[in-house]
Amino acid sequence: MNTPIRGVDGGFSVDSGVSPWGRYKAQIMAGVFYLFLLAGCGFHLRGEMVLSPILSAPYVNSANAEFKEDLTKVLNRSGIRVVNDLEIASAIIDLVSVKFDRQVLSINSRGQATGYILTYQVLCRFVDRTGRVLASPTSLKLSRTLEYQSTQVLPKKQEEDALRARMREDLVQQILRRLNSVSQAPPGGLKTEQFS
């Protein structure tokens, strides 16, 4: 089929035969397709979380101050009011252990480390005020490879600190997803176990 060519103000334009309404519908369909694609790969907009009342005002218990601070900030940004007093907490997010490990991955000809494998391991559980565990303890592990882009000591430390911060952020998001799944259990369906 030949595409008609029309003159416009001394110039020419190609008429593709598609109406403006048809182009608009195609753009809408493409937008919907991309939304489904993003949802399918796990992308979600971060906003406020709505949790069951038993988890609405948690206390974060952790000996690791860095991890506790990161988790508390993200919970507060998500609309969850973290309390600092155990007596008024609705539940306890108990970070039983937070371990960080760094193993040498590669060395240069002078015997200096040029790459590491960084590993975070977190064991957490959610406990109500009476000591009942609301869900089975969760073990989270995350490993990343760090290959230095610089030979200077300060930039090396900055690279490692930045990667560690991103790893903590990933683990915090995993804890939030776990917290959300515990909260979404049907009424009376929260799995509780007596903790001693």
C-alpha atoms as a PDB file:
ATOM      1  CA  MET A   1       0.000   0.000   0.000  1.00  0.00           C
ATOM      2  CA  ASN A   2       1.368   3.436  -0.974  1.00  0.00           C
ATOM      3  CA  THR A   3       1.630   6.081   1.752  1.00  0.00           C
ATOM      4  CA  PRO A   4       0.086   9.368   0.598  1.00  0.00           C
ATOM      5  CA  ILE A   5       2.346  12.446   0.613  1.00  0.00           C
ATOM      6  CA  ARG A   6       0.681  15.763   1.235  1.00  0.00           C
ATOM      7  CA  GLY A   7       2.032  19.248   0.715  1.00  0.00           C
ATOM      8  CA  VAL A   8       2.051  21.466   3.800  1.00  0.00           C
ATOM      9  CA  ASP A   9       2.978  25.164   3.483  1.00  0.00           C
ATOM     10  CA  GLY A  10       5.346  24.572   0.617  1.00  0.00           C
ATOM     11  CA  GLY A  11       6.790  21.431   2.254  1.00  0.00           C
ATOM     12  CA  PHE A  12       5.713  17.842   2.369  1.00  0.00           C
ATOM     13  CA  SER A  13       4.548  15.511   5.170  1.00  0.00           C
ATOM     14  CA  VAL A  14       3.983  11.791   5.148  1.00  0.00           C
ATOM     15  CA  ASP A  15       0.515  10.633   6.181  1.00  0.00           C
ATOM     16  CA  SER A  16       0.969   7.285   7.934  1.00  0.00           C
ATOM     17  CA  GLY A  17      -2.771   6.663   7.975  1.00  0.00           C
ATOM     18  CA  VAL A  18      -2.863   6.507  11.816  1.00  0.00           C
ATOM     19  CA  SER A  19      -5.208   8.948  13.506  1.00  0.00           C
ATOM     20  CA  PRO A  20      -4.103  10.971  16.550  1.00  0.00           C
ATOM     21  CA  TRP A  21      -6.536   8.888  18.641  1.00  0.00           C
ATOM     22  CA  GLY A  22      -4.844   5.702  17.415  1.00  0.00           C
ATOM     23  CA  ARG A  23      -1.419   7.034  18.376  1.00  0.00           C
ATOM     24  CA  TYR A  24      -2.760   8.025  21.808  1.00  0.00           C
ATOM     25  CA  LYS A  25      -4.142   4.515  22.390  1.00  0.00           C
ATOM     26  CA  ALA A  26      -0.808   3.000  21.341  1.00  0.00           C
ATOM     27  CA  GLN A  27       1.041   5.219  23.840  1.00  0.00           C
ATOM     28  CA  ILE A  28      -1.357   4.195  26.623  1.00  0.00           C
ATOM     29  CA  MET A  29      -0.881   0.511  25.807  1.00  0.00           C
ATOM     30  CA  ALA A  30       2.914   0.941  25.805  1.00  0.00           C
ATOM     31  CA  GLY A  31       2.718   2.675  29.223  1.00  0.00           C
ATOM     32  CA  VAL A  32       0.598  -0.126  30.690  1.00  0.00           C
ATOM     33  CA  PHE A  33       2.995  -2.707  29.256  1.00  0.00           C
ATOM     34  CA  TYR A  34       5.977  -0.993  30.936  1.00  0.00           C
ATOM     35  CA  LEU A  35       4.136  -0.811  34.269  1.00  0.00           C
ATOM     36  CA  PHE A  36       3.485  -4.560  34.157  1.00  0.00           C
ATOM     37  CA  LEU A  37       7.105  -5.113  33.187  1.00  0.00           C
ATOM     38  CA  LEU A  38       8.362  -3.077  36.155  1.00  0.00           C
ATOM     39  CA  ALA A  39       6.003  -4.816  38.571  1.00  0.00           C
ATOM     40  CA  GLY A  40       7.092  -8.204  37.263  1.00  0.00           C
ATOM     41  CA  CYS A  41      10.777  -7.508  37.928  1.00  0.00           C
ATOM     42  CA  GLY A  42      10.079  -6.567  41.553  1.00  0.00           C
ATOM     43  CA  PHE A  43      10.107  -2.759  41.236  1.00  0.00           C
ATOM     44  CA  HIS A  44       7.662  -1.031  43.584  1.00  0.00           C
ATOM     45  CA  LEU A  45       7.316   2.589  44.591  1.00  0.00           C
ATOM     46  CA  ARG A  46       8.358   3.028  48.190  1.00  0.00           C
ATOM     47  CA  GLY A  47       5.778   4.730  50.329  1.00  0.00           C
ATOM     48  CA  GLU A  48       3.938   4.265  53.572  1.00  0.00           C
ATOM     49  CA  MET A  49       3.371   0.750  54.853  1.00  0.00           C
ATOM     50  CA  VAL A  50       0.190  -0.221  56.656  1.00  0.00           C
ATOM     51  CA  LEU A  51       0.889  -2.870  59.276  1.00  0.00           C
ATOM     52  CA  SER A  52      -1.337  -4.729  61.694  1.00  0.00           C
ATOM     53  CA  PRO A  53      -1.735  -2.944  65.066  1.00  0.00           C
ATOM     54  CA  ILE A  54       0.588  -5.443  66.760  1.00  0.00           C
ATOM     55  CA  LEU A  55       3.462  -4.188  64.572  1.00  0.00           C
ATOM     56  CA  SER A  56       2.496  -0.517  64.334  1.00  0.00           C
ATOM     57  CA  ALA A  57       4.881   0.885  66.997  1.00  0.00           C
ATOM     58  CA  PRO A  58       7.911  -1.402  67.104  1.00  0.00           C
ATOM     59  CA  TYR A  59      11.077  -1.183  69.126  1.00  0.00           C
ATOM     60  CA  VAL A  60      14.286  -2.073  67.250  1.00  0.00           C
ATOM     61  CA  ASN A  61      16.665  -4.160  69.336  1.00  0.00           C
ATOM     62  CA  SER A  62      20.217  -4.505  68.027  1.00  0.00           C
ATOM     63  CA  ALA A  63      23.745  -4.370  69.368  1.00  0.00           C
ATOM     64  CA  ASN A  64      24.843  -3.067  65.947  1.00  0.00           C
ATOM     65  CA  ALA A  65      24.240   0.701  66.164  1.00  0.00           C
ATOM     66  CA  GLU A  66      24.858   1.298  62.432  1.00  0.00           C
ATOM     67  CA  PHE A  67      22.286  -1.264  61.304  1.00  0.00           C
ATOM     68  CA  LYS A  68      19.765  -0.212  63.972  1.00  0.00           C
ATOM     69  CA  GLU A  69      20.015   3.419  62.839  1.00  0.00           C
ATOM     70  CA  ASP A  70      19.528   2.521  59.156  1.00  0.00           C
ATOM     71  CA  LEU A  71      16.511   0.302  59.900  1.00  0.00           C
ATOM     72  CA  THR A  72      14.936   2.900  62.204  1.00  0.00           C
ATOM     73  CA  LYS A  73      15.284   5.662  59.578  1.00  0.00           C
ATOM     74  CA  VAL A  74      13.708   3.550  56.827  1.00  0.00           C
ATOM     75  CA  LEU A  75      10.841   2.446  59.089  1.00  0.00           C
ATOM     76  CA  ASN A  76      10.119   6.060  60.067  1.00  0.00           C
ATOM     77  CA  ARG A  77      10.196   7.145  56.387  1.00  0.00           C
ATOM     78  CA  SER A  78       7.741   4.336  55.625  1.00  0.00           C
ATOM     79  CA  GLY A  79       5.248   5.745  58.115  1.00  0.00           C
ATOM     80  CA  ILE A  80       6.008   3.287  60.936  1.00  0.00           C
ATOM     81  CA  ARG A  81       6.518   5.023  64.273  1.00  0.00           C
ATOM     82  CA  VAL A  82       9.550   3.369  65.873  1.00  0.00           C
ATOM     83  CA  VAL A  83       9.596   3.829  69.656  1.00  0.00           C
ATOM     84  CA  ASN A  84      12.674   4.118  71.870  1.00  0.00           C
ATOM     85  CA  ASP A  85      10.966   2.791  74.989  1.00  0.00           C
ATOM     86  CA  LEU A  86      10.496  -0.963  75.229  1.00  0.00           C
ATOM     87  CA  GLU A  87       7.629  -0.490  77.694  1.00  0.00           C
ATOM     88  CA  ILE A  88       5.359   1.224  75.129  1.00  0.00           C
ATOM     89  CA  ALA A  89       6.363  -0.838  72.098  1.00  0.00           C
ATOM     90  CA  SER A  90       3.673  -2.873  70.338  1.00  0.00           C
ATOM     91  CA  ALA A  91       6.315  -5.383  69.219  1.00  0.00           C
ATOM     92  CA  ILE A  92      10.069  -5.865  69.002  1.00  0.00           C
ATOM     93  CA  ILE A  93      12.114  -6.146  65.819  1.00  0.00           C
ATOM     94  CA  ASP A  94      14.947  -8.156  67.281  1.00  0.00           C
ATOM     95  CA  LEU A  95      18.157  -8.198  65.243  1.00  0.00           C
ATOM     96  CA  VAL A  96      19.593 -11.197  67.066  1.00  0.00           C
ATOM     97  CA  SER A  97      22.900 -10.979  65.236  1.00  0.00           C
ATOM     98  CA  VAL A  98      24.466  -8.766  62.588  1.00  0.00           C
ATOM     99  CA  LYS A  99      27.771 -10.045  61.217  1.00  0.00           C
ATOM    100  CA  PHE A 100      30.013  -8.443  58.629  1.00  0.00           C
ATOM    101  CA  ASP A 101      32.906 -10.303  57.018  1.00  0.00           C
ATOM    102  CA  ARG A 102      35.543  -9.328  54.466  1.00  0.00           C
ATOM    103  CA  GLN A 103      37.617 -11.924  52.607  1.00  0.00           C
ATOM    104  CA  VAL A 104      40.446 -11.237  50.176  1.00  0.00           C
ATOM    105  CA  LEU A 105      39.416 -11.974  46.598  1.00  0.00           C
ATOM    106  CA  SER A 106      42.509 -10.868  44.650  1.00  0.00           C
ATOM    107  CA  ILE A 107      45.999  -9.504  45.203  1.00  0.00           C
ATOM    108  CA  ASN A 108      48.437  -7.636  42.953  1.00  0.00           C
ATOM    109  CA  SER A 109      52.068  -8.497  42.125  1.00  0.00           C
ATOM    110  CA  ARG A 110      53.232  -6.714  45.297  1.00  0.00           C
ATOM    111  CA  GLY A 111      51.006  -8.861  47.498  1.00  0.00           C
ATOM    112  CA  GLN A 112      48.470  -6.078  48.179  1.00  0.00           C
ATOM    113  CA  ALA A 113      44.776  -6.898  48.240  1.00  0.00           C
ATOM    114  CA  THR A 114      42.952  -5.411  45.247  1.00  0.00           C
ATOM    115  CA  GLY A 115      39.580  -7.036  45.763  1.00  0.00           C
ATOM    116  CA  TYR A 116      37.404  -8.425  48.545  1.00  0.00           C
ATOM    117  CA  ILE A 117      34.192 -10.354  49.025  1.00  0.00           C
ATOM    118  CA  LEU A 118      32.031  -8.473  51.557  1.00  0.00           C
ATOM    119  CA  THR A 119      29.355 -10.454  53.382  1.00  0.00           C
ATOM    120  CA  TYR A 120      26.591  -9.321  55.712  1.00  0.00           C
ATOM    121  CA  GLN A 121      24.580 -11.881  57.651  1.00  0.00           C
ATOM    122  CA  VAL A 122      21.569 -10.842  59.735  1.00  0.00           C
ATOM    123  CA  LEU A 123      19.368 -13.000  61.946  1.00  0.00           C
ATOM    124  CA  CYS A 124      16.128 -11.262  62.879  1.00  0.00           C
ATOM    125  CA  ARG A 125      12.797 -12.090  64.450  1.00  0.00           C
ATOM    126  CA  PHE A 126       9.613 -10.269  65.361  1.00  0.00           C
ATOM    127  CA  VAL A 127       8.439 -10.643  68.951  1.00  0.00           C
ATOM    128  CA  ASP A 128       5.388  -9.251  70.719  1.00  0.00           C
ATOM    129  CA  ARG A 129       5.515  -7.601  74.149  1.00  0.00           C
ATOM    130  CA  THR A 130       4.902 -10.887  75.969  1.00  0.00           C
ATOM    131  CA  GLY A 131       7.857 -12.599  74.310  1.00  0.00           C
ATOM    132  CA  ARG A 132       5.936 -14.600  71.710  1.00  0.00           C
ATOM    133  CA  VAL A 133       7.729 -14.907  68.382  1.00  0.00           C
ATOM    134  CA  LEU A 134       5.347 -13.685  65.665  1.00  0.00           C
ATOM    135  CA  ALA A 135       7.107 -15.523  62.824  1.00  0.00           C
ATOM    136  CA  SER A 136       9.967 -17.939  62.471  1.00  0.00           C
ATOM    137  CA  PRO A 137      13.379 -16.253  62.806  1.00  0.00           C
ATOM    138  CA  THR A 138      14.702 -15.099  59.455  1.00  0.00           C
ATOM    139  CA  SER A 139      18.322 -15.410  58.348  1.00  0.00           C
ATOM    140  CA  LEU A 140      19.375 -12.954  55.640  1.00  0.00           C
ATOM    141  CA  LYS A 141      22.718 -13.120  53.864  1.00  0.00           C
ATOM    142  CA  LEU A 142      24.137 -10.774  51.266  1.00  0.00           C
ATOM    143  CA  SER A 143      27.524 -10.924  49.524  1.00  0.00           C
ATOM    144  CA  ARG A 144      29.076  -8.408  47.168  1.00  0.00           C
ATOM    145  CA  THR A 145      32.392  -8.224  45.341  1.00  0.00           C
ATOM    146  CA  LEU A 146      34.519  -5.131  45.840  1.00  0.00           C
ATOM    147  CA  GLU A 147      37.333  -4.476  43.377  1.00  0.00           C
ATOM    148  CA  TYR A 148      39.218  -1.306  44.137  1.00  0.00           C
ATOM    149  CA  GLN A 149      39.336   1.367  41.445  1.00  0.00           C
ATOM    150  CA  SER A 150      42.060   3.273  43.286  1.00  0.00           C
ATOM    151  CA  THR A 151      45.414   2.431  44.882  1.00  0.00           C
ATOM    152  CA  GLN A 152      45.104   5.231  47.447  1.00  0.00           C
ATOM    153  CA  VAL A 153      44.098   4.286  51.007  1.00  0.00           C
ATOM    154  CA  LEU A 154      41.376   6.941  51.510  1.00  0.00           C
ATOM    155  CA  PRO A 155      39.469   6.275  48.251  1.00  0.00           C
ATOM    156  CA  LYS A 156      39.658   2.527  49.016  1.00  0.00           C
ATOM    157  CA  LYS A 157      37.993   3.083  52.385  1.00  0.00           C
ATOM    158  CA  GLN A 158      35.341   5.327  50.794  1.00  0.00           C
ATOM    159  CA  GLU A 159      34.571   2.662  48.163  1.00  0.00           C
ATOM    160  CA  GLU A 160      34.163   0.008  50.840  1.00  0.00           C
ATOM    161  CA  ASP A 161      32.041   2.246  53.095  1.00  0.00           C
ATOM    162  CA  ALA A 162      29.733   3.118  50.171  1.00  0.00           C
ATOM    163  CA  LEU A 163      29.266  -0.556  49.253  1.00  0.00           C
ATOM    164  CA  ARG A 164      28.623  -1.523  52.875  1.00  0.00           C
ATOM    165  CA  ALA A 165      25.955   1.202  53.117  1.00  0.00           C
ATOM    166  CA  ARG A 166      24.240  -0.108  49.941  1.00  0.00           C
ATOM    167  CA  MET A 167      24.335  -3.653  51.352  1.00  0.00           C
ATOM    168  CA  ARG A 168      22.735  -2.496  54.612  1.00  0.00           C
ATOM    169  CA  GLU A 169      20.051  -0.696  52.603  1.00  0.00           C
ATOM    170  CA  ASP A 170      19.292  -3.893  50.651  1.00  0.00           C
ATOM    171  CA  LEU A 171      19.042  -5.924  53.861  1.00  0.00           C
ATOM    172  CA  VAL A 172      16.817  -3.307  55.500  1.00  0.00           C
ATOM    173  CA  GLN A 173      14.452  -3.511  52.508  1.00  0.00           C
ATOM    174  CA  GLN A 174      14.369  -7.318  52.890  1.00  0.00           C
ATOM    175  CA  ILE A 175      13.483  -6.916  56.587  1.00  0.00           C
ATOM    176  CA  LEU A 176      10.680  -4.508  55.632  1.00  0.00           C
ATOM    177  CA  ARG A 177       9.282  -7.006  53.124  1.00  0.00           C
ATOM    178  CA  ARG A 178       9.388  -9.720  55.794  1.00  0.00           C
ATOM    179  CA  LEU A 179       7.703  -7.403  58.294  1.00  0.00           C
ATOM    180  CA  ASN A 180       5.028  -6.603  55.726  1.00  0.00           C
ATOM    181  CA  SER A 181       4.393 -10.299  54.993  1.00  0.00           C
ATOM    182  CA  VAL A 182       4.042 -11.031  58.725  1.00  0.00           C
ATOM    183  CA  SER A 183       1.609  -8.131  59.019  1.00  0.00           C
ATOM    184  CA  GLN A 184      -0.471  -9.285  56.020  1.00  0.00           C
ATOM    185  CA  ALA A 185      -1.257 -12.625  57.674  1.00  0.00           C
ATOM    186  CA  PRO A 186      -5.046 -13.092  58.063  1.00  0.00           C
ATOM    187  CA  PRO A 187      -6.593 -11.974  61.371  1.00  0.00           C
ATOM    188  CA  GLY A 188      -5.592 -14.445  64.046  1.00  0.00           C
ATOM    189  CA  GLY A 189      -3.220 -15.979  61.526  1.00  0.00           C
ATOM    190  CA  LEU A 190       0.033 -14.507  62.812  1.00  0.00           C
ATOM    191  CA  LYS A 191       2.246 -17.459  63.617  1.00  0.00           C
ATOM    192  CA  THR A 192       3.172 -17.179  67.269  1.00  0.00           C
ATOM    193  CA  GLU A 193       5.628 -19.243  69.247  1.00  0.00           C
ATOM    194  CA  GLN A 194       6.555 -18.921  72.893  1.00  0.00           C
ATOM    195  CA  PHE A 195      10.099 -17.655  73.286  1.00  0.00           C
ATOM    196  CA  SER A 196      12.078 -18.350  76.423  1.00  0.00           C
END
